[in-house]
Amino acid sequence: MSTKVTSMNPLITTIFTADPSAHVWEDGKVYIYASHDMDPARGCDLMDRYHVFSSEDMVNWVDEGEILRSDDVAWGRPEGGFMWAPDCAYKNGTYYFYYPHPSGSSWNDTWKMGVATSDSPASGFTDRGYIPGLGGFAMIDPCVLVDEDERAYMYYGGGSKCAGGELNDDMISIKGEMREMEGLEDFHEAAWVFKRAGIYYLTYADNLDNHNRMRYATSENPLGPWTYRGIFLEPTGCSTTHGSVTEYKGQWYLFYHNQDISGQGNLRSVCIDYLHFNEDGTIQTVVQTKEGVRSVGAAPTPNPLETTYSAENSTVGGGAKVSTNEQGEGFIHDLHLAGSYSQFDHVDGANGGRATINIAYATDERLAKLHLMVNDIDWSLLNALSTGGPAEFTGIASITVSLQPGNNNSIRLSGGRGGISVASITVTPFLD
């Protein structure tokens, strides 16, 4: 059981995530729908493989796994990638996942707003095509607000233009036409709309060169006109900014991203801090912290299906070795050597489907990386933050993947960057 007291920032450290859209659904959990900066990056064009994260206490977060990738989009750009900032909405028993994606190789001229649906908030999504009439040059970053009267509104924009309109009951087509949102000052992208005390708030990223800030405006109507109110998030150290706001268990939060782990503006990490309002409804400047936010509930109970595979259970090759420490505990090392690997075979996937892999490691690198392969499928690079020493096995790199039923799954680790040693992996199939 976790002993974390605060969430810490960045919140998600094993993979790079950005553009968090946060929602609280009827099951009482808060969910983050984030974009995924693939590592190694190449600009922002390789972004792909959306993951969802959930929590019941704001401190312990579950990687729910991947819900959609460009390979699943039949109408999309032939080269894939460009799976940028998404959002999700719930109406009439269905979850609607909205994402921007180009339909052609000339990516910035061919944006469309894709839609995938599921009866579950974090799995089982199937692509349903795109919203007719939306898209075009630089029009990205969808946001959907389902109001208290069940009417739903779509907002999106880029290149200094923000548009909004009402969705039909099918949630995949626009009622009438989109119109430009009036009253916004220095709009760039990243529209997000929420409602508090009868007032609509539209937050967005501005055009400050190479260090966007977040601004906001308010209205008594979901489609404006808007009254500009000011800046509430100063630069995060990242060349972009993008955020969302939600209330959970009586407290308001801002979800955003920075580049504190990587130092690169195209390898970003999700953060959370408190959002406070003044008596007149204006937003106070958000204080960015390393500690993040405090727990608001009990830590999750352990899953009884978890199985740990120690270093001695693996097959090593290419220069990697298994040694034992003074306590007789095994660990895998020299994974950084060219061609080195450690493979765990006969991994039990229970009934198949989602499973979390926790990798126990040690490194004295500020940021080491492991390359993960599961059943010969490339899951790219995983981050391993410093544990303070090469024998301090206190680090956990965690990611949720898909496993086959039974015990014929294989998991292979190889070096990605920097010296790192692995003590074990723990595999925990989901109970669903």
Protein backbone atom coordinates (compact mmCIF):
# COMPACT_ATOMS: atom_id res chain seq x y z
CA MET A 1 0.00 0.00 0.00
CA SER A 2 1.29 3.45 -0.91
CA THR A 3 2.55 5.74 1.85
CA LYS A 4 2.44 8.86 -0.31
CA VAL A 5 1.02 11.89 1.45
CA THR A 6 0.98 14.25 -1.54
CA SER A 7 0.77 13.61 -5.27
CA MET A 8 4.14 15.21 -6.08
CA ASN A 9 4.81 17.08 -9.32
CA PRO A 10 5.22 15.93 -11.94
CA LEU A 11 2.50 13.44 -11.19
CA ILE A 12 3.16 10.79 -13.86
CA THR A 13 6.85 9.99 -14.25
CA THR A 14 7.25 6.67 -16.12
CA ILE A 15 6.02 7.99 -19.48
CA PHE A 16 5.68 11.52 -20.78
CA THR A 17 2.15 12.92 -20.70
CA ALA A 18 0.76 16.36 -21.54
CA ASP A 19 -2.44 18.34 -22.16
CA PRO A 20 -4.42 16.79 -19.27
CA SER A 21 -8.22 16.86 -19.48
CA ALA A 22 -9.63 15.98 -16.06
CA HIS A 23 -13.17 14.80 -15.29
CA VAL A 24 -15.06 13.34 -12.35
CA TRP A 25 -17.51 10.64 -13.39
CA GLU A 26 -20.40 8.88 -11.66
CA ASP A 27 -18.15 6.18 -10.18
CA GLY A 28 -16.65 8.81 -7.87
CA LYS A 29 -13.18 8.76 -9.41
CA VAL A 30 -11.30 11.55 -11.13
CA TYR A 31 -9.89 10.69 -14.56
CA ILE A 32 -7.12 12.32 -16.60
CA TYR A 33 -7.27 11.99 -20.39
CA ALA A 34 -3.79 13.01 -21.52
CA SER A 35 -1.81 13.18 -24.71
CA HIS A 36 1.35 11.05 -24.83
CA ASP A 37 4.74 12.42 -25.88
CA MET A 38 6.46 9.41 -27.41
CA ASP A 39 10.09 9.02 -26.37
CA PRO A 40 12.39 9.70 -28.18
CA ALA A 41 10.48 12.66 -29.59
CA ARG A 42 10.74 14.33 -32.98
CA GLY A 43 9.07 17.69 -32.64
CA CYS A 44 5.48 16.94 -31.60
CA ASP A 45 4.61 14.84 -34.65
CA LEU A 46 5.15 11.43 -33.02
CA MET A 47 2.61 12.00 -30.22
CA ASP A 48 0.39 8.91 -30.06
CA ARG A 49 -1.13 6.14 -27.90
CA TYR A 50 -3.48 7.97 -25.53
CA HIS A 51 -3.43 6.73 -21.91
CA VAL A 52 -6.00 7.38 -19.17
CA PHE A 53 -5.20 7.76 -15.46
CA SER A 54 -7.61 7.53 -12.51
CA SER A 55 -7.59 8.20 -8.78
CA GLU A 56 -9.88 8.09 -5.77
CA ASP A 57 -7.64 10.20 -3.53
CA MET A 58 -5.72 12.60 -5.87
CA VAL A 59 -2.42 11.11 -4.71
CA ASN A 60 -2.33 7.50 -5.91
CA TRP A 61 -2.93 7.33 -9.66
CA VAL A 62 -3.69 4.23 -11.72
CA ASP A 63 -2.51 4.01 -15.31
CA GLU A 64 -5.67 2.60 -16.90
CA GLY A 65 -3.75 1.82 -20.06
CA GLU A 66 -3.87 2.86 -23.68
CA ILE A 67 -7.30 3.62 -25.16
CA LEU A 68 -6.56 4.75 -28.73
CA ARG A 69 -3.67 5.09 -31.17
CA SER A 70 -3.33 6.42 -34.70
CA ASP A 71 -3.29 2.86 -36.07
CA ASP A 72 -6.93 2.58 -34.94
CA VAL A 73 -8.03 5.58 -37.03
CA ALA A 74 -8.96 4.40 -40.53
CA TRP A 75 -9.57 7.95 -41.81
CA GLY A 76 -6.38 9.41 -40.35
CA ARG A 77 -3.04 10.59 -41.64
CA PRO A 78 -1.26 7.67 -43.39
CA GLU A 79 1.97 8.33 -41.48
CA GLY A 80 0.20 8.28 -38.09
CA GLY A 81 1.32 10.40 -35.14
CA PHE A 82 -0.16 13.83 -34.42
CA MET A 83 -2.52 12.56 -31.71
CA TRP A 84 -2.67 15.86 -29.85
CA ALA A 85 -4.62 17.20 -26.84
CA PRO A 86 -7.88 15.25 -26.26
CA ASP A 87 -11.00 15.53 -24.13
CA CYS A 88 -13.79 13.22 -22.94
CA ALA A 89 -17.49 13.69 -22.18
CA TYR A 90 -20.25 11.50 -20.75
CA LYS A 91 -23.88 11.49 -21.78
CA ASN A 92 -26.71 8.93 -21.78
CA GLY A 93 -24.51 6.03 -20.65
CA THR A 94 -21.75 6.58 -23.22
CA TYR A 95 -18.28 8.07 -22.90
CA TYR A 96 -17.21 10.17 -25.89
CA PHE A 97 -13.48 10.63 -26.44
CA TYR A 98 -12.62 13.60 -28.66
CA TYR A 99 -9.20 14.03 -30.24
CA PRO A 100 -7.61 16.14 -33.00
CA HIS A 101 -5.93 14.24 -35.81
CA PRO A 102 -4.98 15.12 -39.40
CA SER A 103 -6.69 13.28 -42.23
CA GLY A 104 -3.83 13.86 -44.68
CA SER A 105 -0.05 14.05 -44.93
CA SER A 106 -0.23 17.87 -45.01
CA TRP A 107 -1.01 17.73 -41.32
CA ASN A 108 -1.70 21.34 -40.32
CA ASP A 109 -4.14 21.85 -43.21
CA THR A 110 -6.16 18.69 -42.60
CA TRP A 111 -7.10 18.63 -38.91
CA LYS A 112 -10.36 16.94 -37.97
CA MET A 113 -12.06 16.26 -34.64
CA GLY A 114 -12.17 12.49 -34.15
CA VAL A 115 -14.61 10.73 -31.82
CA ALA A 116 -14.31 7.34 -30.13
CA THR A 117 -16.94 5.86 -27.82
CA SER A 118 -17.17 3.34 -24.99
CA ASP A 119 -19.52 2.31 -22.20
CA SER A 120 -16.50 2.46 -19.85
CA PRO A 121 -14.51 5.57 -18.91
CA ALA A 122 -11.06 4.07 -19.47
CA SER A 123 -11.24 1.08 -21.82
CA GLY A 124 -13.10 -0.37 -24.76
CA PHE A 125 -13.07 2.73 -26.98
CA THR A 126 -13.92 2.32 -30.67
CA ASP A 127 -13.33 5.05 -33.22
CA ARG A 128 -16.54 6.46 -34.77
CA GLY A 129 -15.01 8.80 -37.35
CA TYR A 130 -14.94 12.58 -37.06
CA ILE A 131 -17.35 15.46 -36.53
CA PRO A 132 -18.48 16.78 -39.93
CA GLY A 133 -17.61 20.39 -40.63
CA LEU A 134 -14.95 20.78 -37.92
CA GLY A 135 -11.23 21.09 -38.47
CA GLY A 136 -9.05 22.83 -41.00
CA PHE A 137 -5.87 24.85 -40.59
CA ALA A 138 -4.49 24.81 -37.01
CA MET A 139 -7.89 24.03 -35.44
CA ILE A 140 -7.09 21.63 -32.60
CA ASP A 141 -7.60 21.06 -28.84
CA PRO A 142 -11.23 19.96 -28.44
CA CYS A 143 -13.13 20.60 -25.20
CA VAL A 144 -16.70 19.47 -24.53
CA LEU A 145 -18.94 20.77 -21.75
CA VAL A 146 -22.12 18.88 -20.88
CA ASP A 147 -24.22 21.46 -19.05
CA GLU A 148 -26.65 20.85 -16.19
CA ASP A 149 -29.56 20.76 -18.67
CA GLU A 150 -27.75 18.00 -20.65
CA ARG A 151 -27.04 20.29 -23.58
CA ALA A 152 -23.48 19.76 -24.81
CA TYR A 153 -21.06 22.30 -26.27
CA MET A 154 -17.88 21.83 -28.30
CA TYR A 155 -14.98 24.29 -28.17
CA TYR A 156 -11.73 24.12 -30.08
CA GLY A 157 -9.14 26.32 -31.72
CA GLY A 158 -5.60 27.27 -32.56
CA GLY A 159 -3.68 29.87 -34.50
CA SER A 160 -5.32 32.63 -32.42
CA LYS A 161 -8.90 31.55 -33.26
CA CYS A 162 -11.32 29.95 -30.78
CA ALA A 163 -14.70 28.60 -31.90
CA GLY A 164 -17.64 27.09 -30.06
CA GLY A 165 -20.99 25.53 -30.87
CA GLU A 166 -23.67 23.19 -29.60
CA LEU A 167 -23.52 19.45 -30.22
CA ASN A 168 -26.55 17.48 -31.33
CA ASP A 169 -27.88 14.76 -29.05
CA ASP A 170 -25.75 12.22 -30.92
CA MET A 171 -22.62 14.01 -29.56
CA ILE A 172 -20.85 13.55 -32.91
CA SER A 173 -22.38 16.35 -34.98
CA ILE A 174 -22.84 20.10 -34.58
CA LYS A 175 -26.23 21.76 -34.24
CA GLY A 176 -26.13 24.69 -36.63
CA GLU A 177 -22.72 26.31 -37.02
CA MET A 178 -19.68 26.98 -34.88
CA ARG A 179 -19.01 30.61 -34.05
CA GLU A 180 -15.99 32.54 -32.93
CA MET A 181 -15.72 33.11 -29.18
CA GLU A 182 -15.72 36.87 -28.65
CA GLY A 183 -13.99 38.77 -25.86
CA LEU A 184 -10.86 36.62 -25.43
CA GLU A 185 -7.58 38.50 -25.16
CA ASP A 186 -4.46 37.03 -26.81
CA PHE A 187 -5.96 33.58 -27.43
CA HIS A 188 -3.52 30.99 -28.80
CA GLU A 189 -4.90 27.47 -28.17
CA ALA A 190 -5.91 24.99 -25.42
CA ALA A 191 -9.52 26.07 -24.77
CA TRP A 192 -11.12 24.58 -21.66
CA VAL A 193 -14.61 25.44 -20.37
CA PHE A 194 -16.09 24.70 -16.94
CA LYS A 195 -18.98 26.03 -14.89
CA ARG A 196 -18.98 27.24 -11.29
CA ALA A 197 -21.76 28.97 -9.34
CA GLY A 198 -23.72 29.61 -12.52
CA ILE A 199 -20.79 31.25 -14.31
CA TYR A 200 -18.97 29.76 -17.31
CA TYR A 201 -15.17 30.00 -17.37
CA LEU A 202 -13.08 29.65 -20.55
CA THR A 203 -9.38 29.09 -19.92
CA TYR A 204 -6.73 29.04 -22.63
CA ALA A 205 -3.05 29.39 -23.52
CA ASP A 206 -1.79 32.78 -24.68
CA ASN A 207 0.90 33.78 -27.20
CA LEU A 208 3.79 34.66 -24.89
CA ASP A 209 6.81 33.68 -26.97
CA ASN A 210 8.09 30.19 -26.09
CA HIS A 211 6.54 30.30 -22.61
CA ASN A 212 2.74 30.41 -22.84
CA ARG A 213 0.69 31.47 -19.84
CA MET A 214 -2.90 30.50 -19.04
CA ARG A 215 -5.57 33.20 -19.21
CA TYR A 216 -9.31 33.09 -18.65
CA ALA A 217 -12.60 34.79 -19.40
CA THR A 218 -16.11 34.42 -17.98
CA SER A 219 -19.67 34.56 -19.28
CA GLU A 220 -23.25 33.97 -18.18
CA ASN A 221 -23.79 31.97 -21.37
CA PRO A 222 -21.94 28.85 -22.55
CA LEU A 223 -21.09 30.42 -25.94
CA GLY A 224 -20.34 33.91 -24.71
CA PRO A 225 -19.76 36.72 -25.34
CA TRP A 226 -16.87 36.48 -22.89
CA THR A 227 -15.37 38.98 -20.49
CA TYR A 228 -11.59 38.77 -20.21
CA ARG A 229 -10.40 38.36 -16.60
CA GLY A 230 -6.63 37.91 -16.64
CA ILE A 231 -3.71 35.50 -16.25
CA PHE A 232 -3.94 32.76 -13.63
CA LEU A 233 -0.99 30.49 -14.51
CA GLU A 234 2.44 31.91 -15.17
CA PRO A 235 4.90 30.02 -17.43
CA THR A 236 5.68 26.49 -16.25
CA GLY A 237 9.17 26.37 -17.77
CA CYS A 238 7.75 24.59 -20.80
CA SER A 239 7.45 26.06 -24.29
CA THR A 240 3.73 25.19 -24.30
CA THR A 241 0.96 25.32 -21.72
CA HIS A 242 -2.32 23.45 -21.60
CA GLY A 243 -4.60 22.75 -18.68
CA SER A 244 -7.98 21.76 -17.31
CA VAL A 245 -9.96 22.61 -14.20
CA THR A 246 -12.25 20.39 -12.17
CA GLU A 247 -13.74 20.11 -8.69
CA TYR A 248 -13.25 16.93 -6.68
CA LYS A 249 -14.61 16.31 -3.18
CA GLY A 250 -15.18 20.00 -2.57
CA GLN A 251 -11.79 21.27 -3.77
CA TRP A 252 -10.91 22.83 -7.15
CA TYR A 253 -7.75 21.78 -9.00
CA LEU A 254 -5.71 22.85 -12.00
CA PHE A 255 -4.18 20.11 -14.13
CA TYR A 256 -1.33 21.26 -16.38
CA HIS A 257 2.08 20.14 -17.68
CA ASN A 258 5.72 21.12 -17.43
CA GLN A 259 9.08 19.74 -18.62
CA ASP A 260 10.78 19.26 -15.26
CA ILE A 261 11.73 15.62 -15.89
CA SER A 262 13.10 15.87 -19.41
CA GLY A 263 14.15 19.48 -19.83
CA GLN A 264 12.59 19.22 -23.30
CA GLY A 265 9.44 20.99 -24.43
CA ASN A 266 8.33 17.99 -26.47
CA LEU A 267 8.68 15.52 -23.58
CA ARG A 268 6.25 16.86 -20.99
CA SER A 269 4.78 15.72 -17.69
CA VAL A 270 1.36 16.23 -16.07
CA CYS A 271 1.11 18.16 -12.78
CA ILE A 272 -1.68 19.14 -10.34
CA ASP A 273 -1.99 22.11 -8.02
CA TYR A 274 -4.80 23.79 -6.12
CA LEU A 275 -7.07 26.34 -7.78
CA HIS A 276 -8.59 29.02 -5.55
CA PHE A 277 -11.30 31.59 -6.25
CA ASN A 278 -11.82 35.03 -4.77
CA GLU A 279 -15.21 35.97 -3.34
CA ASP A 280 -16.14 37.71 -6.59
CA GLY A 281 -15.46 34.53 -8.59
CA THR A 282 -12.13 35.60 -10.07
CA ILE A 283 -9.31 33.05 -10.06
CA GLN A 284 -6.22 33.50 -7.92
CA THR A 285 -2.81 32.93 -9.51
CA VAL A 286 -2.01 29.23 -9.19
CA VAL A 287 1.03 28.43 -7.06
CA GLN A 288 3.15 25.81 -8.82
CA THR A 289 4.62 23.33 -6.34
CA LYS A 290 6.84 20.27 -6.22
CA GLU A 291 4.64 18.68 -3.54
CA GLY A 292 1.42 18.72 -5.57
CA VAL A 293 -1.81 18.15 -3.65
CA ARG A 294 -2.79 16.28 -0.48
CA SER A 295 -4.77 13.06 -0.23
CA VAL A 296 -8.56 13.31 -0.02
CA GLY A 297 -9.31 9.62 0.54
CA ALA A 298 -8.00 6.20 1.45
CA ALA A 299 -5.12 4.68 -0.49
CA PRO A 300 -6.12 1.88 -2.88
CA THR A 301 -6.03 -1.71 -1.62
CA PRO A 302 -3.56 -4.13 -3.23
CA ASN A 303 -4.78 -6.27 -6.13
CA PRO A 304 -4.68 -9.97 -5.12
CA LEU A 305 -3.69 -11.07 -8.65
CA GLU A 306 -0.21 -9.54 -8.60
CA THR A 307 2.81 -11.79 -9.27
CA THR A 308 6.45 -10.79 -8.75
CA TYR A 309 9.18 -12.13 -11.01
CA SER A 310 12.65 -11.72 -9.51
CA ALA A 311 15.89 -11.14 -11.39
CA GLU A 312 16.68 -14.83 -11.14
CA ASN A 313 13.51 -15.58 -13.16
CA SER A 314 14.87 -13.74 -16.20
CA THR A 315 17.05 -14.73 -19.11
CA VAL A 316 19.82 -12.23 -19.83
CA GLY A 317 21.95 -11.72 -22.91
CA GLY A 318 24.23 -9.36 -24.78
CA GLY A 319 26.36 -8.48 -21.76
CA ALA A 320 23.64 -8.07 -19.14
CA LYS A 321 24.29 -10.03 -15.94
CA VAL A 322 22.45 -11.22 -12.83
CA SER A 323 24.32 -10.77 -9.55
CA THR A 324 23.42 -10.89 -5.85
CA ASN A 325 23.96 -8.29 -3.17
CA GLU A 326 25.16 -8.87 0.40
CA GLN A 327 21.65 -9.89 1.43
CA GLY A 328 21.55 -12.56 -1.25
CA GLU A 329 19.01 -10.64 -3.35
CA GLY A 330 19.41 -10.85 -7.12
CA PHE A 331 19.52 -7.92 -9.52
CA ILE A 332 20.08 -7.43 -13.24
CA HIS A 333 22.77 -4.98 -14.33
CA ASP A 334 24.76 -3.83 -17.39
CA LEU A 335 21.55 -3.37 -19.36
CA HIS A 336 23.08 -0.21 -20.82
CA LEU A 337 25.55 -2.21 -22.91
CA ALA A 338 24.77 -2.46 -26.62
CA GLY A 339 22.59 -5.47 -27.35
CA SER A 340 21.99 -6.28 -23.67
CA TYR A 341 18.58 -7.41 -22.47
CA SER A 342 16.68 -9.21 -19.74
CA GLN A 343 13.63 -11.27 -20.67
CA PHE A 344 10.91 -12.65 -18.40
CA ASP A 345 9.05 -15.54 -20.01
CA HIS A 346 5.92 -17.43 -18.94
CA VAL A 347 4.41 -14.28 -17.45
CA ASP A 348 0.86 -14.91 -16.28
CA GLY A 349 -1.71 -12.64 -17.93
CA ALA A 350 -4.68 -14.25 -16.11
CA ASN A 351 -7.71 -13.86 -18.40
CA GLY A 352 -5.91 -11.48 -20.71
CA GLY A 353 -6.34 -7.75 -21.26
CA ARG A 354 -4.96 -4.91 -19.18
CA ALA A 355 -2.16 -5.50 -16.69
CA THR A 356 0.17 -3.16 -14.83
CA ILE A 357 3.91 -3.80 -14.90
CA ASN A 358 5.89 -2.36 -11.97
CA ILE A 359 9.66 -2.46 -12.47
CA ALA A 360 11.75 -2.21 -9.27
CA TYR A 361 15.04 -0.52 -10.10
CA ALA A 362 18.06 1.42 -8.84
CA THR A 363 20.05 4.14 -10.59
CA ASP A 364 22.25 7.07 -9.71
CA GLU A 365 21.41 8.78 -12.99
CA ARG A 366 19.20 11.86 -12.84
CA LEU A 367 17.11 10.26 -15.60
CA ALA A 368 17.80 6.76 -16.86
CA LYS A 369 15.59 4.97 -19.38
CA LEU A 370 14.54 1.40 -20.11
CA HIS A 371 13.23 0.05 -23.39
CA LEU A 372 10.16 -2.18 -22.89
CA MET A 373 8.92 -4.92 -25.24
CA VAL A 374 5.83 -6.99 -24.38
CA ASN A 375 5.09 -10.03 -26.55
CA ASP A 376 7.38 -8.50 -29.20
CA ILE A 377 5.35 -5.27 -29.22
CA ASP A 378 7.38 -2.11 -28.70
CA TRP A 379 6.17 0.01 -25.76
CA SER A 380 8.99 2.52 -26.25
CA LEU A 381 11.10 4.05 -23.48
CA LEU A 382 10.23 4.19 -19.78
CA ASN A 383 11.70 6.76 -17.39
CA ALA A 384 13.67 5.74 -14.32
CA LEU A 385 14.34 8.70 -12.01
CA SER A 386 17.32 8.67 -9.67
CA THR A 387 17.01 6.56 -6.53
CA GLY A 388 20.14 8.12 -5.03
CA GLY A 389 22.51 5.26 -5.74
CA PRO A 390 23.12 2.19 -7.92
CA ALA A 391 22.20 -0.17 -5.04
CA GLU A 392 19.14 1.75 -3.81
CA PHE A 393 16.26 -0.31 -5.25
CA THR A 394 13.53 2.10 -4.26
CA GLY A 395 12.45 3.16 -7.75
CA ILE A 396 9.27 1.92 -9.43
CA ALA A 397 8.60 2.45 -13.12
CA SER A 398 4.97 1.58 -13.83
CA ILE A 399 2.98 1.19 -17.03
CA THR A 400 -0.22 -0.61 -18.01
CA VAL A 401 -0.07 -2.83 -21.11
CA SER A 402 -2.13 -5.57 -22.75
CA LEU A 403 -1.32 -9.23 -22.03
CA GLN A 404 -2.56 -12.44 -23.60
CA PRO A 405 -4.55 -14.96 -21.52
CA GLY A 406 -2.49 -17.60 -19.74
CA ASN A 407 1.18 -17.74 -18.83
CA ASN A 408 2.90 -17.51 -22.20
CA ASN A 409 3.55 -13.78 -22.13
CA SER A 410 7.08 -12.39 -22.46
CA ILE A 411 8.46 -9.09 -21.15
CA ARG A 412 11.85 -7.84 -22.34
CA LEU A 413 13.83 -4.94 -20.88
CA SER A 414 16.86 -3.40 -22.56
CA GLY A 415 18.87 -0.27 -22.07
CA GLY A 416 17.44 3.03 -23.17
CA ARG A 417 19.88 5.50 -21.61
CA GLY A 418 22.14 5.52 -18.57
CA GLY A 419 23.13 2.91 -16.02
CA ILE A 420 20.24 1.13 -14.32
CA SER A 421 19.79 -2.13 -12.38
CA VAL A 422 16.54 -4.08 -12.06
CA ALA A 423 15.60 -6.19 -9.03
CA SER A 424 12.22 -7.53 -10.17
CA ILE A 425 9.05 -6.92 -12.08
CA THR A 426 5.55 -7.23 -10.63
CA VAL A 427 2.68 -7.97 -13.02
CA THR A 428 -0.87 -7.16 -11.89
CA PRO A 429 -3.75 -8.06 -14.23
CA PHE A 430 -6.83 -5.85 -13.92
CA LEU A 431 -9.83 -7.38 -12.27
CA ASP A 432 -12.21 -6.37 -15.06
